[in-house]
Amino acid sequence: MANIKAHITGTVWKIEVAVGDEIAEDDVVMILESMKMEMPVESTYGGRITEILVSEGQSVAEGQVVARLDEV
């Protein structure tokens, strides 16, 4: 199981995946808003999303785990 982490402190603007989705390395998982800029959170692994730990509008900290996936 791999963790996907926020790379900046911000607010979850949009979640681009759902539990069960198959994603590839570098796919956008969600978009964070920080200082009026939209920053994509990309997966560093390919696999299937098993858990989304945040919701749209929620504040996240840099390094916080926002989703989990089973690697392929």
PDB file of N, CA and C in Angstrom:
ATOM      1  N   MET A   1       0.850  -1.173   0.000  1.00  0.00           N
ATOM      2  CA  MET A   1       0.000   0.000   0.000  1.00  0.00           C
ATOM      3  C   MET A   1       0.897   1.237   0.000  1.00  0.00           C
ATOM      4  N   ALA A   2       0.530   2.213  -0.800  1.00  0.00           N
ATOM      5  CA  ALA A   2       1.307   3.452  -0.902  1.00  0.00           C
ATOM      6  C   ALA A   2       0.448   4.631  -0.458  1.00  0.00           C
ATOM      7  N   ASN A   3       1.106   5.623   0.109  1.00  0.00           N
ATOM      8  CA  ASN A   3       0.431   6.847   0.530  1.00  0.00           C
ATOM      9  C   ASN A   3       0.679   7.957  -0.477  1.00  0.00           C
ATOM     10  N   ILE A   4      -0.336   8.755  -0.715  1.00  0.00           N
ATOM     11  CA  ILE A   4      -0.203   9.958  -1.523  1.00  0.00           C
ATOM     12  C   ILE A   4      -0.299  11.125  -0.557  1.00  0.00           C
ATOM     13  N   LYS A   5       0.701  12.016  -0.606  1.00  0.00           N
ATOM     14  CA  LYS A   5       0.787  13.104   0.369  1.00  0.00           C
ATOM     15  C   LYS A   5       0.656  14.465  -0.300  1.00  0.00           C
ATOM     16  N   ALA A   6       0.128  15.418   0.463  1.00  0.00           N
ATOM     17  CA  ALA A   6       0.073  16.805   0.010  1.00  0.00           C
ATOM     18  C   ALA A   6       1.493  17.364   0.012  1.00  0.00           C
ATOM     19  N   HIS A   7       1.860  18.057  -1.028  1.00  0.00           N
ATOM     20  CA  HIS A   7       3.205  18.621  -1.111  1.00  0.00           C
ATOM     21  C   HIS A   7       3.261  20.080  -0.648  1.00  0.00           C
ATOM     22  N   ILE A   8       2.094  20.643  -0.359  1.00  0.00           N
ATOM     23  CA  ILE A   8       2.008  22.008   0.163  1.00  0.00           C
ATOM     24  C   ILE A   8       0.870  22.082   1.169  1.00  0.00           C
ATOM     25  N   THR A   9       0.868  23.124   1.975  1.00  0.00           N
ATOM     26  CA  THR A   9      -0.264  23.414   2.850  1.00  0.00           C
ATOM     27  C   THR A   9      -1.295  24.164   2.025  1.00  0.00           C
ATOM     28  N   GLY A  10      -2.547  23.767   2.130  1.00  0.00           N
ATOM     29  CA  GLY A  10      -3.590  24.429   1.357  1.00  0.00           C
ATOM     30  C   GLY A  10      -4.956  23.857   1.660  1.00  0.00           C
ATOM     31  N   THR A  11      -5.878  24.121   0.745  1.00  0.00           N
ATOM     32  CA  THR A  11      -7.250  23.645   0.852  1.00  0.00           C
ATOM     33  C   THR A  11      -7.535  22.728  -0.330  1.00  0.00           C
ATOM     34  N   VAL A  12      -8.203  21.602  -0.063  1.00  0.00           N
ATOM     35  CA  VAL A  12      -8.574  20.689  -1.144  1.00  0.00           C
ATOM     36  C   VAL A  12      -9.642  21.390  -1.987  1.00  0.00           C
ATOM     37  N   TRP A  13      -9.295  21.697  -3.213  1.00  0.00           N
ATOM     38  CA  TRP A  13     -10.213  22.401  -4.109  1.00  0.00           C
ATOM     39  C   TRP A  13     -11.083  21.411  -4.875  1.00  0.00           C
ATOM     40  N   LYS A  14     -10.451  20.338  -5.415  1.00  0.00           N
ATOM     41  CA  LYS A  14     -11.204  19.354  -6.193  1.00  0.00           C
ATOM     42  C   LYS A  14     -10.519  17.999  -6.113  1.00  0.00           C
ATOM     43  N   ILE A  15     -11.310  16.959  -5.868  1.00  0.00           N
ATOM     44  CA  ILE A  15     -10.804  15.586  -5.867  1.00  0.00           C
ATOM     45  C   ILE A  15     -11.101  14.993  -7.242  1.00  0.00           C
ATOM     46  N   GLU A  16     -10.068  14.498  -7.899  1.00  0.00           N
ATOM     47  CA  GLU A  16     -10.172  14.029  -9.287  1.00  0.00           C
ATOM     48  C   GLU A  16     -10.385  12.521  -9.421  1.00  0.00           C
ATOM     49  N   VAL A  17     -10.291  11.768  -8.316  1.00  0.00           N
ATOM     50  CA  VAL A  17     -10.408  10.309  -8.368  1.00  0.00           C
ATOM     51  C   VAL A  17     -11.437   9.833  -7.349  1.00  0.00           C
ATOM     52  N   ALA A  18     -11.813   8.573  -7.471  1.00  0.00           N
ATOM     53  CA  ALA A  18     -12.731   7.940  -6.519  1.00  0.00           C
ATOM     54  C   ALA A  18     -12.120   6.614  -6.077  1.00  0.00           C
ATOM     55  N   VAL A  19     -12.561   6.107  -4.945  1.00  0.00           N
ATOM     56  CA  VAL A  19     -12.112   4.796  -4.469  1.00  0.00           C
ATOM     57  C   VAL A  19     -12.424   3.764  -5.551  1.00  0.00           C
ATOM     58  N   GLY A  20     -11.430   2.937  -5.855  1.00  0.00           N
ATOM     59  CA  GLY A  20     -11.577   1.904  -6.878  1.00  0.00           C
ATOM     60  C   GLY A  20     -11.000   2.294  -8.227  1.00  0.00           C
ATOM     61  N   ASP A  21     -10.722   3.582  -8.431  1.00  0.00           N
ATOM     62  CA  ASP A  21     -10.155   4.031  -9.709  1.00  0.00           C
ATOM     63  C   ASP A  21      -8.733   3.502  -9.876  1.00  0.00           C
ATOM     64  N   GLU A  22      -8.403   3.094 -11.101  1.00  0.00           N
ATOM     65  CA  GLU A  22      -7.039   2.723 -11.467  1.00  0.00           C
ATOM     66  C   GLU A  22      -6.341   3.984 -11.953  1.00  0.00           C
ATOM     67  N   ILE A  23      -5.158   4.256 -11.411  1.00  0.00           N
ATOM     68  CA  ILE A  23      -4.403   5.422 -11.844  1.00  0.00           C
ATOM     69  C   ILE A  23      -2.990   5.014 -12.208  1.00  0.00           C
ATOM     70  N   ALA A  24      -2.340   5.858 -13.004  1.00  0.00           N
ATOM     71  CA  ALA A  24      -0.958   5.636 -13.398  1.00  0.00           C
ATOM     72  C   ALA A  24      -0.057   6.602 -12.639  1.00  0.00           C
ATOM     73  N   GLU A  25       1.222   6.310 -12.626  1.00  0.00           N
ATOM     74  CA  GLU A  25       2.191   7.228 -12.034  1.00  0.00           C
ATOM     75  C   GLU A  25       2.040   8.594 -12.696  1.00  0.00           C
ATOM     76  N   ASP A  26       2.082   9.638 -11.908  1.00  0.00           N
ATOM     77  CA  ASP A  26       1.966  11.039 -12.336  1.00  0.00           C
ATOM     78  C   ASP A  26       0.535  11.480 -12.652  1.00  0.00           C
ATOM     79  N   ASP A  27      -0.473  10.626 -12.470  1.00  0.00           N
ATOM     80  CA  ASP A  27      -1.865  11.075 -12.627  1.00  0.00           C
ATOM     81  C   ASP A  27      -2.222  12.048 -11.511  1.00  0.00           C
ATOM     82  N   VAL A  28      -3.053  13.035 -11.834  1.00  0.00           N
ATOM     83  CA  VAL A  28      -3.522  14.001 -10.839  1.00  0.00           C
ATOM     84  C   VAL A  28      -4.597  13.353  -9.986  1.00  0.00           C
ATOM     85  N   VAL A  29      -4.399  13.374  -8.673  1.00  0.00           N
ATOM     86  CA  VAL A  29      -5.336  12.774  -7.727  1.00  0.00           C
ATOM     87  C   VAL A  29      -6.303  13.836  -7.200  1.00  0.00           C
ATOM     88  N   MET A  30      -5.769  15.018  -6.918  1.00  0.00           N
ATOM     89  CA  MET A  30      -6.604  16.126  -6.449  1.00  0.00           C
ATOM     90  C   MET A  30      -5.884  17.436  -6.717  1.00  0.00           C
ATOM     91  N   ILE A  31      -6.618  18.516  -6.549  1.00  0.00           N
ATOM     92  CA  ILE A  31      -6.059  19.846  -6.745  1.00  0.00           C
ATOM     93  C   ILE A  31      -6.199  20.604  -5.433  1.00  0.00           C
ATOM     94  N   LEU A  32      -5.080  21.174  -4.991  1.00  0.00           N
ATOM     95  CA  LEU A  32      -5.071  21.996  -3.785  1.00  0.00           C
ATOM     96  C   LEU A  32      -5.014  23.457  -4.183  1.00  0.00           C
ATOM     97  N   GLU A  33      -5.622  24.297  -3.365  1.00  0.00           N
ATOM     98  CA  GLU A  33      -5.529  25.733  -3.559  1.00  0.00           C
ATOM     99  C   GLU A  33      -4.677  26.300  -2.431  1.00  0.00           C
ATOM    100  N   SER A  34      -3.673  27.075  -2.815  1.00  0.00           N
ATOM    101  CA  SER A  34      -2.800  27.708  -1.840  1.00  0.00           C
ATOM    102  C   SER A  34      -2.408  29.080  -2.371  1.00  0.00           C
ATOM    103  N   MET A  35      -2.657  30.100  -1.606  1.00  0.00           N
ATOM    104  CA  MET A  35      -2.350  31.478  -1.987  1.00  0.00           C
ATOM    105  C   MET A  35      -2.934  31.819  -3.360  1.00  0.00           C
ATOM    106  N   LYS A  36      -4.179  31.418  -3.580  1.00  0.00           N
ATOM    107  CA  LYS A  36      -4.943  31.675  -4.806  1.00  0.00           C
ATOM    108  C   LYS A  36      -4.350  31.000  -6.041  1.00  0.00           C
ATOM    109  N   MET A  37      -3.514  29.980  -5.819  1.00  0.00           N
ATOM    110  CA  MET A  37      -2.965  29.198  -6.928  1.00  0.00           C
ATOM    111  C   MET A  37      -3.462  27.765  -6.812  1.00  0.00           C
ATOM    112  N   GLU A  38      -3.767  27.140  -7.940  1.00  0.00           N
ATOM    113  CA  GLU A  38      -4.187  25.746  -7.963  1.00  0.00           C
ATOM    114  C   GLU A  38      -2.967  24.868  -8.210  1.00  0.00           C
ATOM    115  N   MET A  39      -2.749  23.910  -7.305  1.00  0.00           N
ATOM    116  CA  MET A  39      -1.580  23.042  -7.370  1.00  0.00           C
ATOM    117  C   MET A  39      -2.036  21.582  -7.428  1.00  0.00           C
ATOM    118  N   PRO A  40      -1.716  20.853  -8.505  1.00  0.00           N
ATOM    119  CA  PRO A  40      -2.121  19.448  -8.588  1.00  0.00           C
ATOM    120  C   PRO A  40      -1.300  18.562  -7.650  1.00  0.00           C
ATOM    121  N   VAL A  41      -1.958  17.577  -7.067  1.00  0.00           N
ATOM    122  CA  VAL A  41      -1.276  16.531  -6.292  1.00  0.00           C
ATOM    123  C   VAL A  41      -1.256  15.304  -7.192  1.00  0.00           C
ATOM    124  N   GLU A  42      -0.055  14.882  -7.563  1.00  0.00           N
ATOM    125  CA  GLU A  42       0.092  13.753  -8.473  1.00  0.00           C
ATOM    126  C   GLU A  42       0.566  12.516  -7.708  1.00  0.00           C
ATOM    127  N   SER A  43       0.174  11.364  -8.204  1.00  0.00           N
ATOM    128  CA  SER A  43       0.611  10.115  -7.589  1.00  0.00           C
ATOM    129  C   SER A  43       2.019   9.784  -8.045  1.00  0.00           C
ATOM    130  N   THR A  44       2.825   9.316  -7.149  1.00  0.00           N
ATOM    131  CA  THR A  44       4.171   8.867  -7.517  1.00  0.00           C
ATOM    132  C   THR A  44       4.189   7.376  -7.837  1.00  0.00           C
ATOM    133  N   TYR A  45       3.017   6.742  -7.774  1.00  0.00           N
ATOM    134  CA  TYR A  45       2.875   5.314  -8.043  1.00  0.00           C
ATOM    135  C   TYR A  45       1.654   5.087  -8.922  1.00  0.00           C
ATOM    136  N   GLY A  46       1.650   3.960  -9.615  1.00  0.00           N
ATOM    137  CA  GLY A  46       0.450   3.505 -10.301  1.00  0.00           C
ATOM    138  C   GLY A  46      -0.257   2.491  -9.426  1.00  0.00           C
ATOM    139  N   GLY A  47      -1.580   2.410  -9.547  1.00  0.00           N
ATOM    140  CA  GLY A  47      -2.321   1.437  -8.758  1.00  0.00           C
ATOM    141  C   GLY A  47      -3.792   1.756  -8.681  1.00  0.00           C
ATOM    142  N   ARG A  48      -4.452   1.193  -7.681  1.00  0.00           N
ATOM    143  CA  ARG A  48      -5.894   1.378  -7.472  1.00  0.00           C
ATOM    144  C   ARG A  48      -6.105   2.155  -6.182  1.00  0.00           C
ATOM    145  N   ILE A  49      -6.904   3.215  -6.250  1.00  0.00           N
ATOM    146  CA  ILE A  49      -7.218   4.029  -5.073  1.00  0.00           C
ATOM    147  C   ILE A  49      -8.024   3.183  -4.093  1.00  0.00           C
ATOM    148  N   THR A  50      -7.547   3.079  -2.846  1.00  0.00           N
ATOM    149  CA  THR A  50      -8.249   2.295  -1.834  1.00  0.00           C
ATOM    150  C   THR A  50      -8.920   3.171  -0.785  1.00  0.00           C
ATOM    151  N   GLU A  51      -8.428   4.404  -0.634  1.00  0.00           N
ATOM    152  CA  GLU A  51      -8.976   5.267   0.413  1.00  0.00           C
ATOM    153  C   GLU A  51      -8.664   6.721   0.082  1.00  0.00           C
ATOM    154  N   ILE A  52      -9.648   7.585   0.262  1.00  0.00           N
ATOM    155  CA  ILE A  52      -9.451   9.029   0.160  1.00  0.00           C
ATOM    156  C   ILE A  52      -9.692   9.581   1.559  1.00  0.00           C
ATOM    157  N   LEU A  53      -8.694  10.247   2.107  1.00  0.00           N
ATOM    158  CA  LEU A  53      -8.714  10.636   3.514  1.00  0.00           C
ATOM    159  C   LEU A  53      -9.131  12.081   3.754  1.00  0.00           C
ATOM    160  N   VAL A  54      -9.430  12.828   2.697  1.00  0.00           N
ATOM    161  CA  VAL A  54      -9.815  14.228   2.832  1.00  0.00           C
ATOM    162  C   VAL A  54     -11.074  14.477   2.006  1.00  0.00           C
ATOM    163  N   SER A  55     -11.661  15.640   2.204  1.00  0.00           N
ATOM    164  CA  SER A  55     -12.835  16.011   1.409  1.00  0.00           C
ATOM    165  C   SER A  55     -12.621  17.406   0.830  1.00  0.00           C
ATOM    166  N   GLU A  56     -13.368  17.729  -0.197  1.00  0.00           N
ATOM    167  CA  GLU A  56     -13.260  19.044  -0.812  1.00  0.00           C
ATOM    168  C   GLU A  56     -13.587  20.119   0.219  1.00  0.00           C
ATOM    169  N   GLY A  57     -12.770  21.172   0.239  1.00  0.00           N
ATOM    170  CA  GLY A  57     -12.939  22.260   1.190  1.00  0.00           C
ATOM    171  C   GLY A  57     -12.133  22.091   2.464  1.00  0.00           C
ATOM    172  N   GLN A  58     -11.556  20.925   2.664  1.00  0.00           N
ATOM    173  CA  GLN A  58     -10.782  20.645   3.878  1.00  0.00           C
ATOM    174  C   GLN A  58      -9.374  21.229   3.752  1.00  0.00           C
ATOM    175  N   SER A  59      -8.853  21.757   4.837  1.00  0.00           N
ATOM    176  CA  SER A  59      -7.468  22.231   4.888  1.00  0.00           C
ATOM    177  C   SER A  59      -6.543  21.046   5.125  1.00  0.00           C
ATOM    178  N   VAL A  60      -5.393  21.073   4.452  1.00  0.00           N
ATOM    179  CA  VAL A  60      -4.388  20.022   4.627  1.00  0.00           C
ATOM    180  C   VAL A  60      -3.032  20.658   4.873  1.00  0.00           C
ATOM    181  N   ALA A  61      -2.173  19.916   5.560  1.00  0.00           N
ATOM    182  CA  ALA A  61      -0.817  20.370   5.851  1.00  0.00           C
ATOM    183  C   ALA A  61       0.165  19.704   4.886  1.00  0.00           C
ATOM    184  N   GLU A  62       1.280  20.358   4.675  1.00  0.00           N
ATOM    185  CA  GLU A  62       2.333  19.771   3.849  1.00  0.00           C
ATOM    186  C   GLU A  62       2.745  18.430   4.451  1.00  0.00           C
ATOM    187  N   GLY A  63       2.800  17.395   3.618  1.00  0.00           N
ATOM    188  CA  GLY A  63       3.193  16.065   4.071  1.00  0.00           C
ATOM    189  C   GLY A  63       2.044  15.209   4.577  1.00  0.00           C
ATOM    190  N   GLN A  64       0.847  15.773   4.689  1.00  0.00           N
ATOM    191  CA  GLN A  64      -0.311  15.015   5.171  1.00  0.00           C
ATOM    192  C   GLN A  64      -0.721  13.976   4.135  1.00  0.00           C
ATOM    193  N   VAL A  65      -1.013  12.770   4.585  1.00  0.00           N
ATOM    194  CA  VAL A  65      -1.503  11.711   3.683  1.00  0.00           C
ATOM    195  C   VAL A  65      -2.942  12.057   3.304  1.00  0.00           C
ATOM    196  N   VAL A  66      -3.187  12.150   1.992  1.00  0.00           N
ATOM    197  CA  VAL A  66      -4.517  12.529   1.505  1.00  0.00           C
ATOM    198  C   VAL A  66      -5.256  11.360   0.850  1.00  0.00           C
ATOM    199  N   ALA A  67      -4.504  10.339   0.430  1.00  0.00           N
ATOM    200  CA  ALA A  67      -5.125   9.170  -0.195  1.00  0.00           C
ATOM    201  C   ALA A  67      -4.159   7.988  -0.100  1.00  0.00           C
ATOM    202  N   ARG A  68      -4.721   6.787  -0.283  1.00  0.00           N
ATOM    203  CA  ARG A  68      -3.909   5.573  -0.282  1.00  0.00           C
ATOM    204  C   ARG A  68      -4.257   4.751  -1.522  1.00  0.00           C
ATOM    205  N   LEU A  69      -3.277   3.989  -1.985  1.00  0.00           N
ATOM    206  CA  LEU A  69      -3.537   3.114  -3.116  1.00  0.00           C
ATOM    207  C   LEU A  69      -2.756   1.824  -2.986  1.00  0.00           C
ATOM    208  N   ASP A  70      -3.275   0.785  -3.628  1.00  0.00           N
ATOM    209  CA  ASP A  70      -2.563  -0.474  -3.765  1.00  0.00           C
ATOM    210  C   ASP A  70      -1.762  -0.375  -5.054  1.00  0.00           C
ATOM    211  N   GLU A  71      -0.449  -0.544  -4.953  1.00  0.00           N
ATOM    212  CA  GLU A  71       0.401  -0.434  -6.118  1.00  0.00           C
ATOM    213  C   GLU A  71       0.204  -1.610  -7.052  1.00  0.00           C
ATOM    214  N   VAL A  72       0.377  -1.337  -8.336  1.00  0.00           N
ATOM    215  CA  VAL A  72       0.292  -2.372  -9.365  1.00  0.00           C
ATOM    216  C   VAL A  72       1.685  -2.846  -9.690  1.00  0.00           C
TER     217      VAL A  72
END
